[in-house]
Amino acid sequence: MTKQQVEALVCSYGWPCEEALQVMWCESGGKPWAIGRGVNYGLFQINQVHAYRIPEFWTAWMDPAKNTQWAHTLWARQGWKPWACRPY
């Protein structure tokens, strides 16, 4: 995906677009294949502690659309709290 496609995907959800982009760029640098410290995965660096609630996580975490969907669901439940790069 191009930078513009990733940004359009992220902004297609009902969360603060600029904040979501800030989190995504800070967490993964826009790389869907990013693995952080061996426990955070994908575009939004979804932590493995959340994976048990997502049946297809381990087969689809590199899919930017899925990772963004899961991040939005997590954000809807907890705000930006789960991310180290959360907006202040």
PDB file of N, CA and C in Angstrom:
ATOM      1  N   MET A   1       0.836  -1.189   0.000  1.00  0.00           N
ATOM      2  CA  MET A   1       0.000   0.000   0.000  1.00  0.00           C
ATOM      3  C   MET A   1       0.874   1.242   0.000  1.00  0.00           C
ATOM      4  N   THR A   2       0.400   2.254  -0.688  1.00  0.00           N
ATOM      5  CA  THR A   2       1.106   3.535  -0.671  1.00  0.00           C
ATOM      6  C   THR A   2       0.789   4.271   0.634  1.00  0.00           C
ATOM      7  N   LYS A   3       1.562   5.291   0.910  1.00  0.00           N
ATOM      8  CA  LYS A   3       1.322   6.113   2.093  1.00  0.00           C
ATOM      9  C   LYS A   3      -0.088   6.692   2.064  1.00  0.00           C
ATOM     10  N   GLN A   4      -0.512   7.150   0.903  1.00  0.00           N
ATOM     11  CA  GLN A   4      -1.838   7.745   0.769  1.00  0.00           C
ATOM     12  C   GLN A   4      -2.938   6.707   1.013  1.00  0.00           C
ATOM     13  N   GLN A   5      -2.739   5.491   0.548  1.00  0.00           N
ATOM     14  CA  GLN A   5      -3.722   4.424   0.758  1.00  0.00           C
ATOM     15  C   GLN A   5      -3.819   4.055   2.237  1.00  0.00           C
ATOM     16  N   VAL A   6      -2.668   3.977   2.896  1.00  0.00           N
ATOM     17  CA  VAL A   6      -2.664   3.664   4.326  1.00  0.00           C
ATOM     18  C   VAL A   6      -3.383   4.767   5.095  1.00  0.00           C
ATOM     19  N   GLU A   7      -3.074   6.012   4.790  1.00  0.00           N
ATOM     20  CA  GLU A   7      -3.714   7.126   5.482  1.00  0.00           C
ATOM     21  C   GLU A   7      -5.219   7.159   5.217  1.00  0.00           C
ATOM     22  N   ALA A   8      -5.629   6.878   3.998  1.00  0.00           N
ATOM     23  CA  ALA A   8      -7.066   6.840   3.682  1.00  0.00           C
ATOM     24  C   ALA A   8      -7.748   5.718   4.457  1.00  0.00           C
ATOM     25  N   LEU A   9      -7.097   4.575   4.555  1.00  0.00           N
ATOM     26  CA  LEU A   9      -7.644   3.448   5.327  1.00  0.00           C
ATOM     27  C   LEU A   9      -7.824   3.839   6.789  1.00  0.00           C
ATOM     28  N   VAL A  10      -6.786   4.373   7.395  1.00  0.00           N
ATOM     29  CA  VAL A  10      -6.831   4.763   8.807  1.00  0.00           C
ATOM     30  C   VAL A  10      -7.925   5.799   9.043  1.00  0.00           C
ATOM     31  N   CYS A  11      -8.046   6.760   8.144  1.00  0.00           N
ATOM     32  CA  CYS A  11      -9.021   7.842   8.314  1.00  0.00           C
ATOM     33  C   CYS A  11     -10.439   7.446   7.939  1.00  0.00           C
ATOM     34  N   SER A  12     -10.622   6.242   7.432  1.00  0.00           N
ATOM     35  CA  SER A  12     -11.971   5.784   7.067  1.00  0.00           C
ATOM     36  C   SER A  12     -12.778   5.328   8.284  1.00  0.00           C
ATOM     37  N   TYR A  13     -12.148   5.276   9.443  1.00  0.00           N
ATOM     38  CA  TYR A  13     -12.820   4.855  10.678  1.00  0.00           C
ATOM     39  C   TYR A  13     -13.283   6.059  11.477  1.00  0.00           C
ATOM     40  N   GLY A  14     -14.199   5.833  12.384  1.00  0.00           N
ATOM     41  CA  GLY A  14     -14.789   6.894  13.190  1.00  0.00           C
ATOM     42  C   GLY A  14     -13.999   7.231  14.433  1.00  0.00           C
ATOM     43  N   TRP A  15     -12.734   7.512  14.274  1.00  0.00           N
ATOM     44  CA  TRP A  15     -11.897   7.972  15.375  1.00  0.00           C
ATOM     45  C   TRP A  15     -11.207   9.247  14.927  1.00  0.00           C
ATOM     46  N   PRO A  16     -10.560   9.969  15.823  1.00  0.00           N
ATOM     47  CA  PRO A  16      -9.869  11.186  15.405  1.00  0.00           C
ATOM     48  C   PRO A  16      -8.741  10.829  14.424  1.00  0.00           C
ATOM     49  N   CYS A  17      -8.927  11.176  13.168  1.00  0.00           N
ATOM     50  CA  CYS A  17      -8.016  10.775  12.103  1.00  0.00           C
ATOM     51  C   CYS A  17      -6.570  11.177  12.377  1.00  0.00           C
ATOM     52  N   GLU A  18      -6.331  12.415  12.717  1.00  0.00           N
ATOM     53  CA  GLU A  18      -4.959  12.887  12.934  1.00  0.00           C
ATOM     54  C   GLU A  18      -4.291  12.154  14.093  1.00  0.00           C
ATOM     55  N   GLU A  19      -5.043  11.888  15.144  1.00  0.00           N
ATOM     56  CA  GLU A  19      -4.488  11.139  16.274  1.00  0.00           C
ATOM     57  C   GLU A  19      -4.161   9.713  15.863  1.00  0.00           C
ATOM     58  N   ALA A  20      -5.063   9.078  15.135  1.00  0.00           N
ATOM     59  CA  ALA A  20      -4.842   7.698  14.688  1.00  0.00           C
ATOM     60  C   ALA A  20      -3.618   7.618  13.781  1.00  0.00           C
ATOM     61  N   LEU A  21      -3.467   8.578  12.884  1.00  0.00           N
ATOM     62  CA  LEU A  21      -2.288   8.596  12.019  1.00  0.00           C
ATOM     63  C   LEU A  21      -1.011   8.784  12.822  1.00  0.00           C
ATOM     64  N   GLN A  22      -1.065   9.666  13.805  1.00  0.00           N
ATOM     65  CA  GLN A  22       0.093   9.899  14.667  1.00  0.00           C
ATOM     66  C   GLN A  22       0.502   8.604  15.373  1.00  0.00           C
ATOM     67  N   VAL A  23      -0.470   7.909  15.923  1.00  0.00           N
ATOM     68  CA  VAL A  23      -0.195   6.644  16.616  1.00  0.00           C
ATOM     69  C   VAL A  23       0.396   5.629  15.646  1.00  0.00           C
ATOM     70  N   MET A  24      -0.251   5.461  14.495  1.00  0.00           N
ATOM     71  CA  MET A  24       0.203   4.470  13.521  1.00  0.00           C
ATOM     72  C   MET A  24       1.629   4.752  13.049  1.00  0.00           C
ATOM     73  N   TRP A  25       1.918   5.998  12.678  1.00  0.00           N
ATOM     74  CA  TRP A  25       3.262   6.324  12.187  1.00  0.00           C
ATOM     75  C   TRP A  25       4.309   6.141  13.287  1.00  0.00           C
ATOM     76  N   CYS A  26       3.974   6.539  14.499  1.00  0.00           N
ATOM     77  CA  CYS A  26       4.908   6.393  15.612  1.00  0.00           C
ATOM     78  C   CYS A  26       5.142   4.921  15.953  1.00  0.00           C
ATOM     79  N   GLU A  27       4.069   4.138  15.976  1.00  0.00           N
ATOM     80  CA  GLU A  27       4.178   2.733  16.383  1.00  0.00           C
ATOM     81  C   GLU A  27       4.925   1.869  15.361  1.00  0.00           C
ATOM     82  N   SER A  28       4.567   2.006  14.074  1.00  0.00           N
ATOM     83  CA  SER A  28       5.124   1.080  13.075  1.00  0.00           C
ATOM     84  C   SER A  28       5.878   1.739  11.935  1.00  0.00           C
ATOM     85  N   GLY A  29       5.847   3.076  11.880  1.00  0.00           N
ATOM     86  CA  GLY A  29       6.444   3.750  10.739  1.00  0.00           C
ATOM     87  C   GLY A  29       5.686   3.480   9.446  1.00  0.00           C
ATOM     88  N   GLY A  30       4.443   3.020   9.585  1.00  0.00           N
ATOM     89  CA  GLY A  30       3.628   2.714   8.414  1.00  0.00           C
ATOM     90  C   GLY A  30       3.925   1.366   7.786  1.00  0.00           C
ATOM     91  N   LYS A  31       4.654   0.519   8.507  1.00  0.00           N
ATOM     92  CA  LYS A  31       5.034  -0.804   7.988  1.00  0.00           C
ATOM     93  C   LYS A  31       4.091  -1.880   8.526  1.00  0.00           C
ATOM     94  N   PRO A  32       3.265  -2.480   7.668  1.00  0.00           N
ATOM     95  CA  PRO A  32       2.316  -3.503   8.124  1.00  0.00           C
ATOM     96  C   PRO A  32       2.995  -4.753   8.685  1.00  0.00           C
ATOM     97  N   TRP A  33       4.223  -4.992   8.321  1.00  0.00           N
ATOM     98  CA  TRP A  33       4.962  -6.175   8.757  1.00  0.00           C
ATOM     99  C   TRP A  33       5.786  -5.933  10.024  1.00  0.00           C
ATOM    100  N   ALA A  34       5.669  -4.756  10.611  1.00  0.00           N
ATOM    101  CA  ALA A  34       6.481  -4.406  11.779  1.00  0.00           C
ATOM    102  C   ALA A  34       6.176  -5.308  12.974  1.00  0.00           C
ATOM    103  N   ILE A  35       7.256  -5.716  13.647  1.00  0.00           N
ATOM    104  CA  ILE A  35       7.150  -6.475  14.897  1.00  0.00           C
ATOM    105  C   ILE A  35       7.980  -5.713  15.920  1.00  0.00           C
ATOM    106  N   GLY A  36       7.331  -5.290  16.995  1.00  0.00           N
ATOM    107  CA  GLY A  36       8.018  -4.529  18.028  1.00  0.00           C
ATOM    108  C   GLY A  36       8.261  -5.360  19.269  1.00  0.00           C
ATOM    109  N   ARG A  37       9.520  -5.483  19.636  1.00  0.00           N
ATOM    110  CA  ARG A  37       9.930  -6.231  20.834  1.00  0.00           C
ATOM    111  C   ARG A  37       9.370  -7.651  20.879  1.00  0.00           C
ATOM    112  N   GLY A  38       8.999  -8.174  19.741  1.00  0.00           N
ATOM    113  CA  GLY A  38       8.493  -9.548  19.673  1.00  0.00           C
ATOM    114  C   GLY A  38       7.113  -9.748  20.257  1.00  0.00           C
ATOM    115  N   VAL A  39       6.442  -8.656  20.639  1.00  0.00           N
ATOM    116  CA  VAL A  39       5.112  -8.789  21.250  1.00  0.00           C
ATOM    117  C   VAL A  39       4.073  -7.839  20.658  1.00  0.00           C
ATOM    118  N   ASN A  40       4.490  -6.967  19.746  1.00  0.00           N
ATOM    119  CA  ASN A  40       3.589  -6.000  19.124  1.00  0.00           C
ATOM    120  C   ASN A  40       3.657  -6.188  17.614  1.00  0.00           C
ATOM    121  N   TYR A  41       2.477  -6.210  16.968  1.00  0.00           N
ATOM    122  CA  TYR A  41       2.441  -6.640  15.575  1.00  0.00           C
ATOM    123  C   TYR A  41       1.645  -5.714  14.669  1.00  0.00           C
ATOM    124  N   GLY A  42       2.204  -5.464  13.491  1.00  0.00           N
ATOM    125  CA  GLY A  42       1.476  -4.810  12.424  1.00  0.00           C
ATOM    126  C   GLY A  42       1.483  -3.300  12.462  1.00  0.00           C
ATOM    127  N   LEU A  43       0.623  -2.746  11.618  1.00  0.00           N
ATOM    128  CA  LEU A  43       0.529  -1.310  11.407  1.00  0.00           C
ATOM    129  C   LEU A  43       0.310  -0.538  12.703  1.00  0.00           C
ATOM    130  N   PHE A  44      -0.560  -1.037  13.564  1.00  0.00           N
ATOM    131  CA  PHE A  44      -0.847  -0.369  14.839  1.00  0.00           C
ATOM    132  C   PHE A  44      -0.175  -1.058  16.020  1.00  0.00           C
ATOM    133  N   GLN A  45       0.731  -1.993  15.738  1.00  0.00           N
ATOM    134  CA  GLN A  45       1.473  -2.665  16.794  1.00  0.00           C
ATOM    135  C   GLN A  45       0.536  -3.214  17.878  1.00  0.00           C
ATOM    136  N   ILE A  46      -0.416  -4.035  17.444  1.00  0.00           N
ATOM    137  CA  ILE A  46      -1.348  -4.678  18.362  1.00  0.00           C
ATOM    138  C   ILE A  46      -0.560  -5.642  19.244  1.00  0.00           C
ATOM    139  N   ASN A  47      -0.675  -5.482  20.538  1.00  0.00           N
ATOM    140  CA  ASN A  47       0.053  -6.320  21.484  1.00  0.00           C
ATOM    141  C   ASN A  47      -0.534  -7.721  21.531  1.00  0.00           C
ATOM    142  N   GLN A  48       0.342  -8.695  21.736  1.00  0.00           N
ATOM    143  CA  GLN A  48      -0.087 -10.091  21.765  1.00  0.00           C
ATOM    144  C   GLN A  48      -1.122 -10.378  22.852  1.00  0.00           C
ATOM    145  N   VAL A  49      -1.203  -9.571  23.895  1.00  0.00           N
ATOM    146  CA  VAL A  49      -2.209  -9.814  24.933  1.00  0.00           C
ATOM    147  C   VAL A  49      -3.625  -9.654  24.390  1.00  0.00           C
ATOM    148  N   HIS A  50      -3.776  -8.911  23.306  1.00  0.00           N
ATOM    149  CA  HIS A  50      -5.098  -8.720  22.696  1.00  0.00           C
ATOM    150  C   HIS A  50      -5.411  -9.795  21.657  1.00  0.00           C
ATOM    151  N   ALA A  51      -4.410 -10.538  21.232  1.00  0.00           N
ATOM    152  CA  ALA A  51      -4.570 -11.512  20.140  1.00  0.00           C
ATOM    153  C   ALA A  51      -5.561 -12.624  20.487  1.00  0.00           C
ATOM    154  N   TYR A  52      -5.647 -13.019  21.741  1.00  0.00           N
ATOM    155  CA  TYR A  52      -6.532 -14.133  22.099  1.00  0.00           C
ATOM    156  C   TYR A  52      -7.994 -13.817  21.806  1.00  0.00           C
ATOM    157  N   ARG A  53      -8.354 -12.537  21.730  1.00  0.00           N
ATOM    158  CA  ARG A  53      -9.733 -12.142  21.427  1.00  0.00           C
ATOM    159  C   ARG A  53      -9.992 -12.027  19.920  1.00  0.00           C
ATOM    160  N   ILE A  54      -8.947 -12.228  19.132  1.00  0.00           N
ATOM    161  CA  ILE A  54      -9.051 -12.081  17.683  1.00  0.00           C
ATOM    162  C   ILE A  54      -8.676 -13.417  17.045  1.00  0.00           C
ATOM    163  N   PRO A  55      -9.663 -14.237  16.695  1.00  0.00           N
ATOM    164  CA  PRO A  55      -9.377 -15.588  16.209  1.00  0.00           C
ATOM    165  C   PRO A  55      -8.378 -15.654  15.048  1.00  0.00           C
ATOM    166  N   GLU A  56      -8.443 -14.740  14.095  1.00  0.00           N
ATOM    167  CA  GLU A  56      -7.566 -14.809  12.925  1.00  0.00           C
ATOM    168  C   GLU A  56      -6.291 -13.968  13.083  1.00  0.00           C
ATOM    169  N   PHE A  57      -6.003 -13.521  14.280  1.00  0.00           N
ATOM    170  CA  PHE A  57      -4.876 -12.608  14.485  1.00  0.00           C
ATOM    171  C   PHE A  57      -3.572 -13.145  13.905  1.00  0.00           C
ATOM    172  N   TRP A  58      -3.201 -14.357  14.256  1.00  0.00           N
ATOM    173  CA  TRP A  58      -1.875 -14.858  13.873  1.00  0.00           C
ATOM    174  C   TRP A  58      -1.743 -15.150  12.395  1.00  0.00           C
ATOM    175  N   THR A  59      -2.841 -15.223  11.672  1.00  0.00           N
ATOM    176  CA  THR A  59      -2.758 -15.435  10.223  1.00  0.00           C
ATOM    177  C   THR A  59      -2.976 -14.148   9.435  1.00  0.00           C
ATOM    178  N   ALA A  60      -3.428 -13.090  10.107  1.00  0.00           N
ATOM    179  CA  ALA A  60      -3.782 -11.871   9.364  1.00  0.00           C
ATOM    180  C   ALA A  60      -3.193 -10.587   9.936  1.00  0.00           C
ATOM    181  N   TRP A  61      -2.297 -10.652  10.913  1.00  0.00           N
ATOM    182  CA  TRP A  61      -1.836  -9.428  11.566  1.00  0.00           C
ATOM    183  C   TRP A  61      -1.105  -8.478  10.622  1.00  0.00           C
ATOM    184  N   MET A  62      -0.536  -8.990   9.517  1.00  0.00           N
ATOM    185  CA  MET A  62       0.165  -8.119   8.570  1.00  0.00           C
ATOM    186  C   MET A  62      -0.772  -7.445   7.565  1.00  0.00           C
ATOM    187  N   ASP A  63      -2.037  -7.791   7.587  1.00  0.00           N
ATOM    188  CA  ASP A  63      -3.015  -7.170   6.692  1.00  0.00           C
ATOM    189  C   ASP A  63      -3.360  -5.788   7.252  1.00  0.00           C
ATOM    190  N   PRO A  64      -3.011  -4.701   6.556  1.00  0.00           N
ATOM    191  CA  PRO A  64      -3.259  -3.361   7.087  1.00  0.00           C
ATOM    192  C   PRO A  64      -4.731  -3.107   7.406  1.00  0.00           C
ATOM    193  N   ALA A  65      -5.628  -3.627   6.582  1.00  0.00           N
ATOM    194  CA  ALA A  65      -7.062  -3.406   6.822  1.00  0.00           C
ATOM    195  C   ALA A  65      -7.508  -4.104   8.095  1.00  0.00           C
ATOM    196  N   LYS A  66      -7.083  -5.334   8.301  1.00  0.00           N
ATOM    197  CA  LYS A  66      -7.449  -6.075   9.519  1.00  0.00           C
ATOM    198  C   LYS A  66      -6.829  -5.418  10.745  1.00  0.00           C
ATOM    199  N   ASN A  67      -5.536  -5.091  10.661  1.00  0.00           N
ATOM    200  CA  ASN A  67      -4.848  -4.501  11.799  1.00  0.00           C
ATOM    201  C   ASN A  67      -5.490  -3.176  12.191  1.00  0.00           C
ATOM    202  N   THR A  68      -5.886  -2.395  11.209  1.00  0.00           N
ATOM    203  CA  THR A  68      -6.550  -1.118  11.486  1.00  0.00           C
ATOM    204  C   THR A  68      -7.926  -1.348  12.097  1.00  0.00           C
ATOM    205  N   GLN A  69      -8.646  -2.316  11.582  1.00  0.00           N
ATOM    206  CA  GLN A  69      -9.965  -2.659  12.142  1.00  0.00           C
ATOM    207  C   GLN A  69      -9.840  -3.055  13.607  1.00  0.00           C
ATOM    208  N   TRP A  70      -8.880  -3.915  13.904  1.00  0.00           N
ATOM    209  CA  TRP A  70      -8.678  -4.355  15.290  1.00  0.00           C
ATOM    210  C   TRP A  70      -8.259  -3.184  16.171  1.00  0.00           C
ATOM    211  N   ALA A  71      -7.386  -2.320  15.643  1.00  0.00           N
ATOM    212  CA  ALA A  71      -6.959  -1.145  16.411  1.00  0.00           C
ATOM    213  C   ALA A  71      -8.152  -0.244  16.709  1.00  0.00           C
ATOM    214  N   HIS A  72      -9.021  -0.060  15.745  1.00  0.00           N
ATOM    215  CA  HIS A  72     -10.195   0.782  15.972  1.00  0.00           C
ATOM    216  C   HIS A  72     -11.101   0.163  17.034  1.00  0.00           C
ATOM    217  N   THR A  73     -11.296  -1.129  16.990  1.00  0.00           N
ATOM    218  CA  THR A  73     -12.112  -1.814  18.000  1.00  0.00           C
ATOM    219  C   THR A  73     -11.493  -1.639  19.382  1.00  0.00           C
ATOM    220  N   LEU A  74     -10.185  -1.818  19.467  1.00  0.00           N
ATOM    221  CA  LEU A  74      -9.476  -1.646  20.734  1.00  0.00           C
ATOM    222  C   LEU A  74      -9.598  -0.198  21.217  1.00  0.00           C
ATOM    223  N   TRP A  75      -9.424   0.755  20.305  1.00  0.00           N
ATOM    224  CA  TRP A  75      -9.555   2.166  20.651  1.00  0.00           C
ATOM    225  C   TRP A  75     -10.967   2.477  21.154  1.00  0.00           C
ATOM    226  N   ALA A  76     -11.984   1.900  20.513  1.00  0.00           N
ATOM    227  CA  ALA A  76     -13.373   2.153  20.920  1.00  0.00           C
ATOM    228  C   ALA A  76     -13.625   1.667  22.346  1.00  0.00           C
ATOM    229  N   ARG A  77     -12.902   0.651  22.774  1.00  0.00           N
ATOM    230  CA  ARG A  77     -13.062   0.109  24.132  1.00  0.00           C
ATOM    231  C   ARG A  77     -12.193   0.821  25.166  1.00  0.00           C
ATOM    232  N   GLN A  78     -10.977   1.213  24.775  1.00  0.00           N
ATOM    233  CA  GLN A  78     -10.010   1.697  25.762  1.00  0.00           C
ATOM    234  C   GLN A  78      -9.377   3.044  25.444  1.00  0.00           C
ATOM    235  N   GLY A  79      -9.790   3.661  24.355  1.00  0.00           N
ATOM    236  CA  GLY A  79      -9.117   4.897  23.950  1.00  0.00           C
ATOM    237  C   GLY A  79      -7.695   4.590  23.506  1.00  0.00           C
ATOM    238  N   TRP A  80      -6.805   5.549  23.640  1.00  0.00           N
ATOM    239  CA  TRP A  80      -5.419   5.365  23.206  1.00  0.00           C
ATOM    240  C   TRP A  80      -4.552   4.708  24.270  1.00  0.00           C
ATOM    241  N   LYS A  81      -5.118   4.340  25.396  1.00  0.00           N
ATOM    242  CA  LYS A  81      -4.364   3.772  26.514  1.00  0.00           C
ATOM    243  C   LYS A  81      -3.453   2.591  26.138  1.00  0.00           C
ATOM    244  N   PRO A  82      -3.875   1.665  25.260  1.00  0.00           N
ATOM    245  CA  PRO A  82      -3.004   0.521  24.956  1.00  0.00           C
ATOM    246  C   PRO A  82      -1.734   0.846  24.163  1.00  0.00           C
ATOM    247  N   TRP A  83      -1.598   2.056  23.624  1.00  0.00           N
ATOM    248  CA  TRP A  83      -0.457   2.383  22.776  1.00  0.00           C
ATOM    249  C   TRP A  83       0.565   3.248  23.505  1.00  0.00           C
ATOM    250  N   ALA A  84       1.825   2.894  23.343  1.00  0.00           N
ATOM    251  CA  ALA A  84       2.908   3.694  23.914  1.00  0.00           C
ATOM    252  C   ALA A  84       2.972   5.066  23.249  1.00  0.00           C
ATOM    253  N   CYS A  85       2.625   5.141  21.977  1.00  0.00           N
ATOM    254  CA  CYS A  85       2.670   6.393  21.215  1.00  0.00           C
ATOM    255  C   CYS A  85       1.336   7.132  21.240  1.00  0.00           C
ATOM    256  N   ARG A  86       0.590   6.984  22.297  1.00  0.00           N
ATOM    257  CA  ARG A  86      -0.729   7.632  22.353  1.00  0.00           C
ATOM    258  C   ARG A  86      -0.600   9.141  22.411  1.00  0.00           C
ATOM    259  N   PRO A  87      -1.578   9.836  21.840  1.00  0.00           N
ATOM    260  CA  PRO A  87      -1.581  11.297  21.918  1.00  0.00           C
ATOM    261  C   PRO A  87      -1.842  11.751  23.362  1.00  0.00           C
ATOM    262  N   TYR A  88      -1.272  12.853  23.740  1.00  0.00           N
ATOM    263  CA  TYR A  88      -1.478  13.363  25.107  1.00  0.00           C
ATOM    264  C   TYR A  88      -2.301  14.611  25.083  1.00  0.00           C
TER     265      TYR A  88
END
